[in-house]
PDB file of N, CA and C in Angstrom:
ATOM      1  N   MET A   1       0.850  -1.162   0.000  1.00  0.00           N
ATOM      2  CA  MET A   1       0.000   0.000   0.000  1.00  0.00           C
ATOM      3  C   MET A   1       0.904   1.235   0.000  1.00  0.00           C
ATOM      4  N   THR A   2       0.530   2.232  -0.744  1.00  0.00           N
ATOM      5  CA  THR A   2       1.348   3.442  -0.833  1.00  0.00           C
ATOM      6  C   THR A   2       1.000   4.414   0.290  1.00  0.00           C
ATOM      7  N   LEU A   3       1.891   5.359   0.518  1.00  0.00           N
ATOM      8  CA  LEU A   3       1.643   6.403   1.501  1.00  0.00           C
ATOM      9  C   LEU A   3       0.384   7.180   1.128  1.00  0.00           C
ATOM     10  N   ASP A   4       0.205   7.465  -0.158  1.00  0.00           N
ATOM     11  CA  ASP A   4      -0.989   8.194  -0.607  1.00  0.00           C
ATOM     12  C   ASP A   4      -2.267   7.432  -0.286  1.00  0.00           C
ATOM     13  N   GLU A   5      -2.254   6.117  -0.478  1.00  0.00           N
ATOM     14  CA  GLU A   5      -3.436   5.310  -0.162  1.00  0.00           C
ATOM     15  C   GLU A   5      -3.734   5.352   1.334  1.00  0.00           C
ATOM     16  N   ILE A   6      -2.696   5.259   2.132  1.00  0.00           N
ATOM     17  CA  ILE A   6      -2.880   5.276   3.585  1.00  0.00           C
ATOM     18  C   ILE A   6      -3.402   6.631   4.042  1.00  0.00           C
ATOM     19  N   THR A   7      -2.786   7.708   3.568  1.00  0.00           N
ATOM     20  CA  THR A   7      -3.223   9.034   4.008  1.00  0.00           C
ATOM     21  C   THR A   7      -4.577   9.416   3.430  1.00  0.00           C
ATOM     22  N   SER A   8      -4.968   8.832   2.309  1.00  0.00           N
ATOM     23  CA  SER A   8      -6.306   9.125   1.780  1.00  0.00           C
ATOM     24  C   SER A   8      -7.387   8.545   2.684  1.00  0.00           C
ATOM     25  N   VAL A   9      -7.054   7.493   3.424  1.00  0.00           N
ATOM     26  CA  VAL A   9      -8.004   6.889   4.362  1.00  0.00           C
ATOM     27  C   VAL A   9      -7.874   7.522   5.745  1.00  0.00           C
ATOM     28  N   LEU A  10      -6.649   7.658   6.242  1.00  0.00           N
ATOM     29  CA  LEU A  10      -6.425   8.063   7.632  1.00  0.00           C
ATOM     30  C   LEU A  10      -6.098   9.532   7.823  1.00  0.00           C
ATOM     31  N   GLY A  11      -5.713  10.217   6.750  1.00  0.00           N
ATOM     32  CA  GLY A  11      -5.190  11.563   6.912  1.00  0.00           C
ATOM     33  C   GLY A  11      -3.708  11.473   7.253  1.00  0.00           C
ATOM     34  N   PRO A  12      -3.122  12.579   7.694  1.00  0.00           N
ATOM     35  CA  PRO A  12      -1.689  12.573   8.007  1.00  0.00           C
ATOM     36  C   PRO A  12      -1.368  11.606   9.147  1.00  0.00           C
ATOM     37  N   VAL A  13      -0.364  10.780   8.935  1.00  0.00           N
ATOM     38  CA  VAL A  13       0.075   9.821   9.952  1.00  0.00           C
ATOM     39  C   VAL A  13       1.597   9.798   9.979  1.00  0.00           C
ATOM     40  N   ASP A  14       2.148   9.328  11.099  1.00  0.00           N
ATOM     41  CA  ASP A  14       3.606   9.282  11.190  1.00  0.00           C
ATOM     42  C   ASP A  14       4.154   8.044  10.484  1.00  0.00           C
ATOM     43  N   SER A  15       5.438   8.090  10.214  1.00  0.00           N
ATOM     44  CA  SER A  15       6.071   7.035   9.417  1.00  0.00           C
ATOM     45  C   SER A  15       6.051   5.677  10.112  1.00  0.00           C
ATOM     46  N   SER A  16       6.075   5.655  11.437  1.00  0.00           N
ATOM     47  CA  SER A  16       6.045   4.361  12.130  1.00  0.00           C
ATOM     48  C   SER A  16       4.694   3.677  11.957  1.00  0.00           C
ATOM     49  N   LEU A  17       3.611   4.442  11.950  1.00  0.00           N
ATOM     50  CA  LEU A  17       2.289   3.859  11.716  1.00  0.00           C
ATOM     51  C   LEU A  17       2.176   3.363  10.279  1.00  0.00           C
ATOM     52  N   VAL A  18       2.702   4.119   9.336  1.00  0.00           N
ATOM     53  CA  VAL A  18       2.704   3.691   7.933  1.00  0.00           C
ATOM     54  C   VAL A  18       3.437   2.357   7.801  1.00  0.00           C
ATOM     55  N   ALA A  19       4.595   2.243   8.435  1.00  0.00           N
ATOM     56  CA  ALA A  19       5.378   1.005   8.360  1.00  0.00           C
ATOM     57  C   ALA A  19       4.612  -0.160   8.973  1.00  0.00           C
ATOM     58  N   GLU A  20       3.972   0.084  10.110  1.00  0.00           N
ATOM     59  CA  GLU A  20       3.225  -0.985  10.774  1.00  0.00           C
ATOM     60  C   GLU A  20       2.044  -1.439   9.920  1.00  0.00           C
ATOM     61  N   ILE A  21       1.354  -0.501   9.308  1.00  0.00           N
ATOM     62  CA  ILE A  21       0.239  -0.843   8.418  1.00  0.00           C
ATOM     63  C   ILE A  21       0.750  -1.646   7.230  1.00  0.00           C
ATOM     64  N   ASN A  22       1.849  -1.216   6.647  1.00  0.00           N
ATOM     65  CA  ASN A  22       2.402  -1.925   5.489  1.00  0.00           C
ATOM     66  C   ASN A  22       2.850  -3.338   5.825  1.00  0.00           C
ATOM     67  N   ARG A  23       3.325  -3.554   7.045  1.00  0.00           N
ATOM     68  CA  ARG A  23       3.754  -4.900   7.445  1.00  0.00           C
ATOM     69  C   ARG A  23       2.596  -5.896   7.440  1.00  0.00           C
ATOM     70  N   THR A  24       1.369  -5.427   7.533  1.00  0.00           N
ATOM     71  CA  THR A  24       0.223  -6.344   7.528  1.00  0.00           C
ATOM     72  C   THR A  24      -0.022  -6.930   6.146  1.00  0.00           C
ATOM     73  N   GLY A  25       0.426  -6.237   5.102  1.00  0.00           N
ATOM     74  CA  GLY A  25       0.154  -6.684   3.741  1.00  0.00           C
ATOM     75  C   GLY A  25      -1.281  -6.423   3.312  1.00  0.00           C
ATOM     76  N   ALA A  26      -1.987  -5.593   4.066  1.00  0.00           N
ATOM     77  CA  ALA A  26      -3.391  -5.299   3.771  1.00  0.00           C
ATOM     78  C   ALA A  26      -3.520  -4.378   2.561  1.00  0.00           C
ATOM     79  N   SER A  27      -4.704  -4.399   1.981  1.00  0.00           N
ATOM     80  CA  SER A  27      -5.012  -3.520   0.850  1.00  0.00           C
ATOM     81  C   SER A  27      -5.623  -2.219   1.363  1.00  0.00           C
ATOM     82  N   ALA A  28      -5.728  -1.239   0.477  1.00  0.00           N
ATOM     83  CA  ALA A  28      -6.368   0.027   0.834  1.00  0.00           C
ATOM     84  C   ALA A  28      -7.833  -0.201   1.212  1.00  0.00           C
ATOM     85  N   ALA A  29      -8.497  -1.125   0.545  1.00  0.00           N
ATOM     86  CA  ALA A  29      -9.897  -1.432   0.869  1.00  0.00           C
ATOM     87  C   ALA A  29     -10.010  -2.015   2.274  1.00  0.00           C
ATOM     88  N   GLU A  30      -9.061  -2.868   2.646  1.00  0.00           N
ATOM     89  CA  GLU A  30      -9.068  -3.435   4.001  1.00  0.00           C
ATOM     90  C   GLU A  30      -8.798  -2.352   5.043  1.00  0.00           C
ATOM     91  N   LEU A  31      -7.915  -1.421   4.720  1.00  0.00           N
ATOM     92  CA  LEU A  31      -7.652  -0.314   5.634  1.00  0.00           C
ATOM     93  C   LEU A  31      -8.896   0.555   5.786  1.00  0.00           C
ATOM     94  N   ALA A  32      -9.581   0.828   4.692  1.00  0.00           N
ATOM     95  CA  ALA A  32     -10.807   1.629   4.760  1.00  0.00           C
ATOM     96  C   ALA A  32     -11.865   0.934   5.613  1.00  0.00           C
ATOM     97  N   GLU A  33     -11.988  -0.370   5.481  1.00  0.00           N
ATOM     98  CA  GLU A  33     -12.942  -1.117   6.299  1.00  0.00           C
ATOM     99  C   GLU A  33     -12.539  -1.068   7.775  1.00  0.00           C
ATOM    100  N   ALA A  34     -11.252  -1.223   8.050  1.00  0.00           N
ATOM    101  CA  ALA A  34     -10.767  -1.152   9.430  1.00  0.00           C
ATOM    102  C   ALA A  34     -11.023   0.229  10.023  1.00  0.00           C
ATOM    103  N   TRP A  35     -10.825   1.264   9.229  1.00  0.00           N
ATOM    104  CA  TRP A  35     -11.059   2.635   9.685  1.00  0.00           C
ATOM    105  C   TRP A  35     -12.539   2.828  10.020  1.00  0.00           C
ATOM    106  N   ALA A  36     -13.408   2.264   9.201  1.00  0.00           N
ATOM    107  CA  ALA A  36     -14.848   2.343   9.476  1.00  0.00           C
ATOM    108  C   ALA A  36     -15.179   1.642  10.789  1.00  0.00           C
ATOM    109  N   TRP A  37     -14.628   0.454  11.004  1.00  0.00           N
ATOM    110  CA  TRP A  37     -14.857  -0.273  12.253  1.00  0.00           C
ATOM    111  C   TRP A  37     -14.293   0.499  13.435  1.00  0.00           C
ATOM    112  N   PHE A  38     -13.140   1.067  13.284  1.00  0.00           N
ATOM    113  CA  PHE A  38     -12.494   1.816  14.357  1.00  0.00           C
ATOM    114  C   PHE A  38     -13.350   3.007  14.783  1.00  0.00           C
ATOM    115  N   ASN A  39     -13.981   3.644  13.819  1.00  0.00           N
ATOM    116  CA  ASN A  39     -14.748   4.859  14.096  1.00  0.00           C
ATOM    117  C   ASN A  39     -16.218   4.635  14.402  1.00  0.00           C
ATOM    118  N   ALA A  40     -16.779   3.508  14.004  1.00  0.00           N
ATOM    119  CA  ALA A  40     -18.228   3.316  14.151  1.00  0.00           C
ATOM    120  C   ALA A  40     -18.587   1.858  14.373  1.00  0.00           C
ATOM    121  N   ASP A  41     -17.898   1.193  15.279  1.00  0.00           N
ATOM    122  CA  ASP A  41     -18.136  -0.239  15.462  1.00  0.00           C
ATOM    123  C   ASP A  41     -19.568  -0.553  15.880  1.00  0.00           C
ATOM    124  N   GLU A  42     -20.157   0.246  16.762  1.00  0.00           N
ATOM    125  CA  GLU A  42     -21.530  -0.031  17.193  1.00  0.00           C
ATOM    126  C   GLU A  42     -22.512   0.073  16.035  1.00  0.00           C
ATOM    127  N   ALA A  43     -22.344   1.081  15.202  1.00  0.00           N
ATOM    128  CA  ALA A  43     -23.244   1.251  14.062  1.00  0.00           C
ATOM    129  C   ALA A  43     -23.139   0.074  13.100  1.00  0.00           C
ATOM    130  N   LEU A  44     -21.933  -0.409  12.860  1.00  0.00           N
ATOM    131  CA  LEU A  44     -21.755  -1.530  11.942  1.00  0.00           C
ATOM    132  C   LEU A  44     -22.335  -2.814  12.521  1.00  0.00           C
ATOM    133  N   VAL A  45     -22.183  -3.017  13.829  1.00  0.00           N
ATOM    134  CA  VAL A  45     -22.782  -4.188  14.474  1.00  0.00           C
ATOM    135  C   VAL A  45     -24.298  -4.091  14.393  1.00  0.00           C
ATOM    136  N   ASN A  46     -24.831  -2.902  14.636  1.00  0.00           N
ATOM    137  CA  ASN A  46     -26.282  -2.710  14.568  1.00  0.00           C
ATOM    138  C   ASN A  46     -26.831  -2.953  13.170  1.00  0.00           C
ATOM    139  N   GLU A  47     -26.004  -2.767  12.155  1.00  0.00           N
ATOM    140  CA  GLU A  47     -26.402  -3.066  10.776  1.00  0.00           C
ATOM    141  C   GLU A  47     -26.368  -4.560  10.498  1.00  0.00           C
ATOM    142  N   GLY A  48     -25.859  -5.332  11.448  1.00  0.00           N
ATOM    143  CA  GLY A  48     -25.781  -6.776  11.267  1.00  0.00           C
ATOM    144  C   GLY A  48     -24.508  -7.253  10.606  1.00  0.00           C
ATOM    145  N   ARG A  49     -23.525  -6.382  10.517  1.00  0.00           N
ATOM    146  CA  ARG A  49     -22.259  -6.776   9.896  1.00  0.00           C
ATOM    147  C   ARG A  49     -21.472  -7.664  10.841  1.00  0.00           C
ATOM    148  N   SER A  50     -20.782  -8.626  10.288  1.00  0.00           N
ATOM    149  CA  SER A  50     -19.926  -9.515  11.081  1.00  0.00           C
ATOM    150  C   SER A  50     -18.735  -8.734  11.607  1.00  0.00           C
ATOM    151  N   LEU A  51     -18.265  -9.123  12.782  1.00  0.00           N
ATOM    152  CA  LEU A  51     -17.088  -8.472  13.344  1.00  0.00           C
ATOM    153  C   LEU A  51     -15.894  -8.678  12.417  1.00  0.00           C
ATOM    154  N   PRO A  52     -14.977  -7.716  12.391  1.00  0.00           N
ATOM    155  CA  PRO A  52     -13.830  -7.847  11.493  1.00  0.00           C
ATOM    156  C   PRO A  52     -12.955  -9.035  11.866  1.00  0.00           C
ATOM    157  N   SER A  53     -12.308  -9.580  10.852  1.00  0.00           N
ATOM    158  CA  SER A  53     -11.384 -10.689  11.068  1.00  0.00           C
ATOM    159  C   SER A  53     -10.191 -10.504  10.139  1.00  0.00           C
ATOM    160  N   GLY A  54      -9.211 -11.348  10.294  1.00  0.00           N
ATOM    161  CA  GLY A  54      -8.039 -11.319   9.419  1.00  0.00           C
ATOM    162  C   GLY A  54      -7.304  -9.995   9.464  1.00  0.00           C
ATOM    163  N   LYS A  55      -6.923  -9.509   8.303  1.00  0.00           N
ATOM    164  CA  LYS A  55      -6.138  -8.283   8.206  1.00  0.00           C
ATOM    165  C   LYS A  55      -6.912  -7.073   8.694  1.00  0.00           C
ATOM    166  N   VAL A  56      -8.222  -7.060   8.470  1.00  0.00           N
ATOM    167  CA  VAL A  56      -9.035  -5.926   8.922  1.00  0.00           C
ATOM    168  C   VAL A  56      -8.987  -5.843  10.447  1.00  0.00           C
ATOM    169  N   ALA A  57      -9.139  -6.968  11.120  1.00  0.00           N
ATOM    170  CA  ALA A  57      -9.068  -6.987  12.585  1.00  0.00           C
ATOM    171  C   ALA A  57      -7.678  -6.568  13.060  1.00  0.00           C
ATOM    172  N   GLU A  58      -6.653  -7.023  12.361  1.00  0.00           N
ATOM    173  CA  GLU A  58      -5.283  -6.643  12.711  1.00  0.00           C
ATOM    174  C   GLU A  58      -5.101  -5.131  12.588  1.00  0.00           C
ATOM    175  N   LEU A  59      -5.638  -4.558  11.527  1.00  0.00           N
ATOM    176  CA  LEU A  59      -5.539  -3.113  11.327  1.00  0.00           C
ATOM    177  C   LEU A  59      -6.311  -2.346  12.391  1.00  0.00           C
ATOM    178  N   VAL A  60      -7.486  -2.824  12.766  1.00  0.00           N
ATOM    179  CA  VAL A  60      -8.255  -2.172  13.832  1.00  0.00           C
ATOM    180  C   VAL A  60      -7.411  -2.135  15.104  1.00  0.00           C
ATOM    181  N   GLY A  61      -6.759  -3.236  15.419  1.00  0.00           N
ATOM    182  CA  GLY A  61      -5.890  -3.282  16.591  1.00  0.00           C
ATOM    183  C   GLY A  61      -4.755  -2.283  16.512  1.00  0.00           C
ATOM    184  N   ILE A  62      -4.156  -2.166  15.355  1.00  0.00           N
ATOM    185  CA  ILE A  62      -3.063  -1.209  15.152  1.00  0.00           C
ATOM    186  C   ILE A  62      -3.573   0.213  15.352  1.00  0.00           C
ATOM    187  N   LEU A  63      -4.738   0.514  14.807  1.00  0.00           N
ATOM    188  CA  LEU A  63      -5.312   1.853  14.944  1.00  0.00           C
ATOM    189  C   LEU A  63      -5.652   2.161  16.400  1.00  0.00           C
ATOM    190  N   GLU A  64      -6.149   1.170  17.130  1.00  0.00           N
ATOM    191  CA  GLU A  64      -6.469   1.367  18.549  1.00  0.00           C
ATOM    192  C   GLU A  64      -5.209   1.672  19.353  1.00  0.00           C
ATOM    193  N   VAL A  65      -4.153   0.912  19.105  1.00  0.00           N
ATOM    194  CA  VAL A  65      -2.890   1.145  19.816  1.00  0.00           C
ATOM    195  C   VAL A  65      -2.325   2.517  19.450  1.00  0.00           C
ATOM    196  N   ALA A  66      -2.410   2.885  18.183  1.00  0.00           N
ATOM    197  CA  ALA A  66      -1.900   4.188  17.743  1.00  0.00           C
ATOM    198  C   ALA A  66      -2.651   5.314  18.437  1.00  0.00           C
ATOM    199  N   GLU A  67      -3.955   5.161  18.605  1.00  0.00           N
ATOM    200  CA  GLU A  67      -4.744   6.190  19.283  1.00  0.00           C
ATOM    201  C   GLU A  67      -4.348   6.287  20.756  1.00  0.00           C
ATOM    202  N   LEU A  68      -4.167   5.151  21.410  1.00  0.00           N
ATOM    203  CA  LEU A  68      -3.761   5.154  22.819  1.00  0.00           C
ATOM    204  C   LEU A  68      -2.393   5.796  22.990  1.00  0.00           C
ATOM    205  N   THR A  69      -1.485   5.490  22.080  1.00  0.00           N
ATOM    206  CA  THR A  69      -0.136   6.043  22.134  1.00  0.00           C
ATOM    207  C   THR A  69      -0.164   7.547  21.903  1.00  0.00           C
ATOM    208  N   GLU A  70      -1.024   7.984  21.002  1.00  0.00           N
ATOM    209  CA  GLU A  70      -1.147   9.399  20.671  1.00  0.00           C
ATOM    210  C   GLU A  70      -1.676  10.191  21.860  1.00  0.00           C
ATOM    211  N   ASP A  71      -2.565   9.584  22.637  1.00  0.00           N
ATOM    212  CA  ASP A  71      -3.182  10.263  23.772  1.00  0.00           C
ATOM    213  C   ASP A  71      -2.264  10.387  24.980  1.00  0.00           C
ATOM    214  N   THR A  72      -1.187   9.620  25.000  1.00  0.00           N
ATOM    215  CA  THR A  72      -0.301   9.666  26.172  1.00  0.00           C
ATOM    216  C   THR A  72       0.886  10.555  25.949  1.00  0.00           C
TER     217      THR A  72
END
């Protein structure tokens, strides 16, 4: 995934987060899905969507850790 693809989904991010996302081997579509889950998990569950798995779940975890790290 390119830096442009990542920033088009997440906005500006630091290089360590870009590297961590790239290590997953996920696609831009998977990142977009993970971003949606990260921001609106209750709404997606209420729509009846299955919980994320695989690379999407891995990306959600990365985004959660990045947010916690950013807040400290």
